[in-house]
PDB file of all heavy atoms in Angstrom:
ATOM      1  N   PHE A   1     -15.375  -0.483  21.040  1.00  0.00           N
ATOM      2  CA  PHE A   1     -16.757  -0.438  21.400  1.00  0.00           C
ATOM      3  C   PHE A   1     -17.527   0.081  20.203  1.00  0.00           C
ATOM      4  O   PHE A   1     -17.080   0.964  19.463  1.00  0.00           O
ATOM      5  CB  PHE A   1     -16.964   0.490  22.576  1.00  0.00           C
ATOM      6  CG  PHE A   1     -16.380  -0.043  23.879  1.00  0.00           C
ATOM      7  CD1 PHE A   1     -15.660   0.872  24.734  1.00  0.00           C
ATOM      8  CD2 PHE A   1     -16.488  -1.349  24.286  1.00  0.00           C
ATOM      9  CE1 PHE A   1     -15.148   0.450  25.938  1.00  0.00           C
ATOM     10  CE2 PHE A   1     -15.895  -1.721  25.484  1.00  0.00           C
ATOM     11  CZ  PHE A   1     -15.240  -0.799  26.286  1.00  0.00           C
ATOM     12  N   SER A   2     -18.676  -0.543  19.999  1.00  0.00           N
ATOM     13  CA  SER A   2     -19.452  -0.164  18.713  1.00  0.00           C
ATOM     14  C   SER A   2     -20.870   0.141  19.177  1.00  0.00           C
ATOM     15  O   SER A   2     -21.480  -0.785  19.964  1.00  0.00           O
ATOM     16  CB  SER A   2     -19.375  -1.336  17.783  1.00  0.00           C
ATOM     17  OG  SER A   2     -20.258  -1.077  16.669  1.00  0.00           O
ATOM     18  N   ALA A   3     -21.474   1.168  18.683  1.00  0.00           N
ATOM     19  CA  ALA A   3     -22.855   1.651  19.044  1.00  0.00           C
ATOM     20  C   ALA A   3     -23.577   1.899  17.760  1.00  0.00           C
ATOM     21  O   ALA A   3     -23.163   2.637  16.872  1.00  0.00           O
ATOM     22  CB  ALA A   3     -22.786   2.881  19.909  1.00  0.00           C
ATOM     23  N   ILE A   4     -24.739   1.229  17.706  1.00  0.00           N
ATOM     24  CA  ILE A   4     -25.714   1.437  16.593  1.00  0.00           C
ATOM     25  C   ILE A   4     -26.992   1.926  17.191  1.00  0.00           C
ATOM     26  O   ILE A   4     -27.522   1.284  18.050  1.00  0.00           O
ATOM     27  CB  ILE A   4     -25.863   0.258  15.805  1.00  0.00           C
ATOM     28  CG1 ILE A   4     -24.552  -0.286  15.169  1.00  0.00           C
ATOM     29  CG2 ILE A   4     -26.959   0.419  14.645  1.00  0.00           C
ATOM     30  CD1 ILE A   4     -24.621  -1.549  14.285  1.00  0.00           C
ATOM     31  N   GLN A   5     -27.489   3.069  16.731  1.00  0.00           N
ATOM     32  CA  GLN A   5     -28.649   3.694  17.132  1.00  0.00           C
ATOM     33  C   GLN A   5     -29.913   2.867  16.783  1.00  0.00           C
ATOM     34  O   GLN A   5     -29.944   2.121  15.797  1.00  0.00           O
ATOM     35  CB  GLN A   5     -28.892   5.058  16.465  1.00  0.00           C
ATOM     36  CG  GLN A   5     -27.726   6.045  16.747  1.00  0.00           C
ATOM     37  CD  GLN A   5     -27.668   6.418  18.214  1.00  0.00           C
ATOM     38  OE1 GLN A   5     -28.714   6.626  18.859  1.00  0.00           O
ATOM     39  NE2 GLN A   5     -26.413   6.535  18.681  1.00  0.00           N
ATOM     40  N   PRO A   6     -31.009   3.008  17.654  1.00  0.00           N
ATOM     41  CA  PRO A   6     -32.250   2.227  17.205  1.00  0.00           C
ATOM     42  C   PRO A   6     -32.790   2.819  15.896  1.00  0.00           C
ATOM     43  O   PRO A   6     -32.705   4.007  15.617  1.00  0.00           O
ATOM     44  CB  PRO A   6     -33.203   2.712  18.423  1.00  0.00           C
ATOM     45  CG  PRO A   6     -32.653   3.888  18.971  1.00  0.00           C
ATOM     46  CD  PRO A   6     -31.114   3.797  18.868  1.00  0.00           C
ATOM     47  N   GLY A   7     -33.136   1.926  15.006  1.00  0.00           N
ATOM     48  CA  GLY A   7     -33.472   2.342  13.687  1.00  0.00           C
ATOM     49  C   GLY A   7     -32.359   2.532  12.732  1.00  0.00           C
ATOM     50  O   GLY A   7     -32.425   2.900  11.513  1.00  0.00           O
ATOM     51  N   GLY A   8     -31.113   2.299  13.288  1.00  0.00           N
ATOM     52  CA  GLY A   8     -29.879   2.439  12.415  1.00  0.00           C
ATOM     53  C   GLY A   8     -29.471   1.132  11.930  1.00  0.00           C
ATOM     54  O   GLY A   8     -29.944   0.047  12.336  1.00  0.00           O
ATOM     55  N   SER A   9     -28.614   1.248  10.898  1.00  0.00           N
ATOM     56  CA  SER A   9     -28.090   0.046  10.358  1.00  0.00           C
ATOM     57  C   SER A   9     -26.711   0.325   9.648  1.00  0.00           C
ATOM     58  O   SER A   9     -26.346   1.422   9.349  1.00  0.00           O
ATOM     59  CB  SER A   9     -29.076  -0.551   9.271  1.00  0.00           C
ATOM     60  OG  SER A   9     -29.178   0.413   8.148  1.00  0.00           O
ATOM     61  N   LEU A  10     -25.905  -0.673   9.451  1.00  0.00           N
ATOM     62  CA  LEU A  10     -24.766  -0.675   8.703  1.00  0.00           C
ATOM     63  C   LEU A  10     -25.138  -1.238   7.390  1.00  0.00           C
ATOM     64  O   LEU A  10     -25.296  -2.511   7.283  1.00  0.00           O
ATOM     65  CB  LEU A  10     -23.572  -1.372   9.317  1.00  0.00           C
ATOM     66  CG  LEU A  10     -23.212  -0.918  10.807  1.00  0.00           C
ATOM     67  CD1 LEU A  10     -21.996  -1.654  11.283  1.00  0.00           C
ATOM     68  CD2 LEU A  10     -23.095   0.589  10.820  1.00  0.00           C
ATOM     69  N   GLN A  11     -25.077  -0.517   6.217  1.00  0.00           N
ATOM     70  CA  GLN A  11     -25.516  -1.143   5.030  1.00  0.00           C
ATOM     71  C   GLN A  11     -24.556  -2.186   4.463  1.00  0.00           C
ATOM     72  O   GLN A  11     -23.467  -2.384   4.949  1.00  0.00           O
ATOM     73  CB  GLN A  11     -25.573   0.056   3.980  1.00  0.00           C
ATOM     74  CG  GLN A  11     -26.483   1.178   4.418  1.00  0.00           C
ATOM     75  CD  GLN A  11     -27.924   0.950   4.381  1.00  0.00           C
ATOM     76  OE1 GLN A  11     -28.313  -0.287   4.439  1.00  0.00           O
ATOM     77  NE2 GLN A  11     -28.793   1.841   4.350  1.00  0.00           N
ATOM     78  N   PRO A  12     -24.967  -3.006   3.505  1.00  0.00           N
ATOM     79  CA  PRO A  12     -24.179  -4.087   3.017  1.00  0.00           C
ATOM     80  C   PRO A  12     -22.753  -3.627   2.661  1.00  0.00           C
ATOM     81  O   PRO A  12     -22.602  -2.680   1.957  1.00  0.00           O
ATOM     82  CB  PRO A  12     -24.919  -4.613   1.878  1.00  0.00           C
ATOM     83  CG  PRO A  12     -26.403  -4.314   2.210  1.00  0.00           C
ATOM     84  CD  PRO A  12     -26.345  -3.022   2.847  1.00  0.00           C
ATOM     85  N   HIS A  13     -21.736  -4.451   3.183  1.00  0.00           N
ATOM     86  CA  HIS A  13     -20.351  -4.169   2.908  1.00  0.00           C
ATOM     87  C   HIS A  13     -19.510  -5.353   3.224  1.00  0.00           C
ATOM     88  O   HIS A  13     -20.072  -6.451   3.704  1.00  0.00           O
ATOM     89  CB  HIS A  13     -19.852  -2.969   3.776  1.00  0.00           C
ATOM     90  CG  HIS A  13     -19.972  -3.223   5.284  1.00  0.00           C
ATOM     91  ND1 HIS A  13     -21.120  -3.385   5.978  1.00  0.00           N
ATOM     92  CD2 HIS A  13     -18.997  -3.493   6.222  1.00  0.00           C
ATOM     93  CE1 HIS A  13     -20.876  -3.602   7.266  1.00  0.00           C
ATOM     94  NE2 HIS A  13     -19.567  -3.712   7.419  1.00  0.00           N
ATOM     95  N   THR A  14     -18.301  -5.325   2.896  1.00  0.00           N
ATOM     96  CA  THR A  14     -17.368  -6.456   3.269  1.00  0.00           C
ATOM     97  C   THR A  14     -16.097  -5.919   3.913  1.00  0.00           C
ATOM     98  O   THR A  14     -15.786  -4.811   3.876  1.00  0.00           O
ATOM     99  CB  THR A  14     -16.986  -7.268   1.937  1.00  0.00           C
ATOM    100  OG1 THR A  14     -16.157  -6.360   1.144  1.00  0.00           O
ATOM    101  CG2 THR A  14     -18.117  -7.803   1.198  1.00  0.00           C
ATOM    102  N   GLY A  15     -15.430  -6.873   4.580  1.00  0.00           N
ATOM    103  CA  GLY A  15     -14.189  -6.548   5.283  1.00  0.00           C
ATOM    104  C   GLY A  15     -13.032  -6.771   4.306  1.00  0.00           C
ATOM    105  O   GLY A  15     -13.211  -7.294   3.194  1.00  0.00           O
ATOM    106  N   PRO A  16     -11.820  -6.513   4.791  1.00  0.00           N
ATOM    107  CA  PRO A  16     -10.640  -6.465   3.902  1.00  0.00           C
ATOM    108  C   PRO A  16     -10.146  -7.843   3.507  1.00  0.00           C
ATOM    109  O   PRO A  16      -9.602  -8.082   2.345  1.00  0.00           O
ATOM    110  CB  PRO A  16      -9.604  -5.726   4.659  1.00  0.00           C
ATOM    111  CG  PRO A  16      -9.934  -5.826   6.091  1.00  0.00           C
ATOM    112  CD  PRO A  16     -11.504  -5.802   6.151  1.00  0.00           C
ATOM    113  N   THR A  17     -10.292  -8.856   4.387  1.00  0.00           N
ATOM    114  CA  THR A  17      -9.648 -10.177   4.075  1.00  0.00           C
ATOM    115  C   THR A  17     -10.387 -11.329   4.818  1.00  0.00           C
ATOM    116  O   THR A  17     -10.847 -11.123   5.936  1.00  0.00           O
ATOM    117  CB  THR A  17      -8.199 -10.181   4.554  1.00  0.00           C
ATOM    118  OG1 THR A  17      -7.610 -11.410   4.332  1.00  0.00           O
ATOM    119  CG2 THR A  17      -8.035  -9.759   5.982  1.00  0.00           C
ATOM    120  N   ASN A  18     -10.380 -12.480   4.112  1.00  0.00           N
ATOM    121  CA  ASN A  18     -10.976 -13.622   4.793  1.00  0.00           C
ATOM    122  C   ASN A  18      -9.976 -14.306   5.725  1.00  0.00           C
ATOM    123  O   ASN A  18     -10.360 -15.267   6.445  1.00  0.00           O
ATOM    124  CB  ASN A  18     -11.327 -14.730   3.655  1.00  0.00           C
ATOM    125  CG  ASN A  18     -10.156 -15.210   2.912  1.00  0.00           C
ATOM    126  OD1 ASN A  18      -9.336 -14.407   2.402  1.00  0.00           O
ATOM    127  ND2 ASN A  18     -10.038 -16.502   2.858  1.00  0.00           N
ATOM    128  N   ALA A  19      -8.799 -13.782   5.838  1.00  0.00           N
ATOM    129  CA  ALA A  19      -7.817 -14.302   6.807  1.00  0.00           C
ATOM    130  C   ALA A  19      -8.051 -13.752   8.199  1.00  0.00           C
ATOM    131  O   ALA A  19      -7.450 -14.284   9.200  1.00  0.00           O
ATOM    132  CB  ALA A  19      -6.345 -13.856   6.392  1.00  0.00           C
ATOM    133  N   SER A  20      -9.035 -12.816   8.375  1.00  0.00           N
ATOM    134  CA  SER A  20      -9.316 -12.294   9.683  1.00  0.00           C
ATOM    135  C   SER A  20     -10.765 -12.556   9.923  1.00  0.00           C
ATOM    136  O   SER A  20     -11.651 -12.438   9.031  1.00  0.00           O
ATOM    137  CB  SER A  20      -9.029 -10.730   9.643  1.00  0.00           C
ATOM    138  OG  SER A  20      -9.384 -10.184  10.929  1.00  0.00           O
ATOM    139  N   LEU A  21     -11.099 -12.947  11.155  1.00  0.00           N
ATOM    140  CA  LEU A  21     -12.517 -13.108  11.629  1.00  0.00           C
ATOM    141  C   LEU A  21     -12.849 -12.070  12.549  1.00  0.00           C
ATOM    142  O   LEU A  21     -12.004 -11.336  13.168  1.00  0.00           O
ATOM    143  CB  LEU A  21     -12.612 -14.514  12.261  1.00  0.00           C
ATOM    144  CG  LEU A  21     -12.371 -15.640  11.401  1.00  0.00           C
ATOM    145  CD1 LEU A  21     -12.507 -17.108  12.171  1.00  0.00           C
ATOM    146  CD2 LEU A  21     -13.202 -15.706  10.107  1.00  0.00           C
ATOM    147  N   THR A  22     -14.143 -11.858  12.855  1.00  0.00           N
ATOM    148  CA  THR A  22     -14.551 -10.865  13.764  1.00  0.00           C
ATOM    149  C   THR A  22     -15.486 -11.417  14.836  1.00  0.00           C
ATOM    150  O   THR A  22     -16.383 -12.260  14.556  1.00  0.00           O
ATOM    151  CB  THR A  22     -15.397  -9.780  13.034  1.00  0.00           C
ATOM    152  OG1 THR A  22     -14.574  -9.218  11.966  1.00  0.00           O
ATOM    153  CG2 THR A  22     -16.014  -8.708  13.833  1.00  0.00           C
ATOM    154  N   ALA A  23     -15.295 -10.952  16.050  1.00  0.00           N
ATOM    155  CA  ALA A  23     -16.175 -11.374  17.207  1.00  0.00           C
ATOM    156  C   ALA A  23     -16.831 -10.164  17.757  1.00  0.00           C
ATOM    157  O   ALA A  23     -16.106  -9.114  17.963  1.00  0.00           O
ATOM    158  CB  ALA A  23     -15.291 -12.151  18.238  1.00  0.00           C
ATOM    159  N   HIS A  24     -18.064 -10.324  18.246  1.00  0.00           N
ATOM    160  CA  HIS A  24     -18.770  -9.229  18.939  1.00  0.00           C
ATOM    161  C   HIS A  24     -19.184  -9.690  20.229  1.00  0.00           C
ATOM    162  O   HIS A  24     -20.068 -10.750  20.244  1.00  0.00           O
ATOM    163  CB  HIS A  24     -20.003  -8.745  18.081  1.00  0.00           C
ATOM    164  CG  HIS A  24     -19.632  -7.720  17.034  1.00  0.00           C
ATOM    165  ND1 HIS A  24     -19.821  -6.348  17.194  1.00  0.00           N
ATOM    166  CD2 HIS A  24     -19.198  -7.881  15.792  1.00  0.00           C
ATOM    167  CE1 HIS A  24     -19.486  -5.701  16.059  1.00  0.00           C
ATOM    168  NE2 HIS A  24     -19.071  -6.640  15.171  1.00  0.00           N
ATOM    169  N   LEU A  25     -18.878  -9.149  21.322  1.00  0.00           N
ATOM    170  CA  LEU A  25     -19.397  -9.361  22.686  1.00  0.00           C
ATOM    171  C   LEU A  25     -20.600  -8.484  22.843  1.00  0.00           C
ATOM    172  O   LEU A  25     -20.425  -7.218  22.783  1.00  0.00           O
ATOM    173  CB  LEU A  25     -18.424  -9.189  23.760  1.00  0.00           C
ATOM    174  CG  LEU A  25     -19.034  -9.095  25.164  1.00  0.00           C
ATOM    175  CD1 LEU A  25     -19.515 -10.570  25.579  1.00  0.00           C
ATOM    176  CD2 LEU A  25     -17.920  -8.653  26.172  1.00  0.00           C
ATOM    177  N   GLY A  26     -21.771  -9.081  23.015  1.00  0.00           N
ATOM    178  CA  GLY A  26     -22.998  -8.248  23.233  1.00  0.00           C
ATOM    179  C   GLY A  26     -22.905  -7.588  24.619  1.00  0.00           C
ATOM    180  O   GLY A  26     -22.954  -8.338  25.690  1.00  0.00           O
ATOM    181  N   LEU A  27     -22.904  -6.229  24.698  1.00  0.00           N
ATOM    182  CA  LEU A  27     -22.702  -5.568  25.924  1.00  0.00           C
ATOM    183  C   LEU A  27     -24.151  -5.099  26.488  1.00  0.00           C
ATOM    184  O   LEU A  27     -24.389  -5.284  27.722  1.00  0.00           O
ATOM    185  CB  LEU A  27     -21.781  -4.425  25.828  1.00  0.00           C
ATOM    186  CG  LEU A  27     -20.274  -4.749  25.548  1.00  0.00           C
ATOM    187  CD1 LEU A  27     -19.530  -3.510  25.339  1.00  0.00           C
ATOM    188  CD2 LEU A  27     -19.782  -5.512  26.859  1.00  0.00           C
ATOM    189  N   ARG A  28     -24.864  -4.484  25.611  1.00  0.00           N
ATOM    190  CA  ARG A  28     -26.207  -3.945  26.126  1.00  0.00           C
ATOM    191  C   ARG A  28     -27.149  -3.664  24.964  1.00  0.00           C
ATOM    192  O   ARG A  28     -26.732  -3.351  23.815  1.00  0.00           O
ATOM    193  CB  ARG A  28     -25.986  -2.552  26.820  1.00  0.00           C
ATOM    194  CG  ARG A  28     -27.197  -1.889  27.442  1.00  0.00           C
ATOM    195  CD  ARG A  28     -26.848  -0.619  28.130  1.00  0.00           C
ATOM    196  NE  ARG A  28     -26.140  -0.837  29.337  1.00  0.00           N
ATOM    197  CZ  ARG A  28     -25.255   0.012  29.772  1.00  0.00           C
ATOM    198  NH1 ARG A  28     -24.813   1.050  29.088  1.00  0.00           N
ATOM    199  NH2 ARG A  28     -24.710  -0.269  30.971  1.00  0.00           N
TER     200      ARG A  28
END
């Protein structure tokens, strides 16, 4: 589960490998 505060952000970055994809289910 991932929570980001209002006014918050995750600054530019990359993940470890292009062999893995990421999915996010919008909860609330």
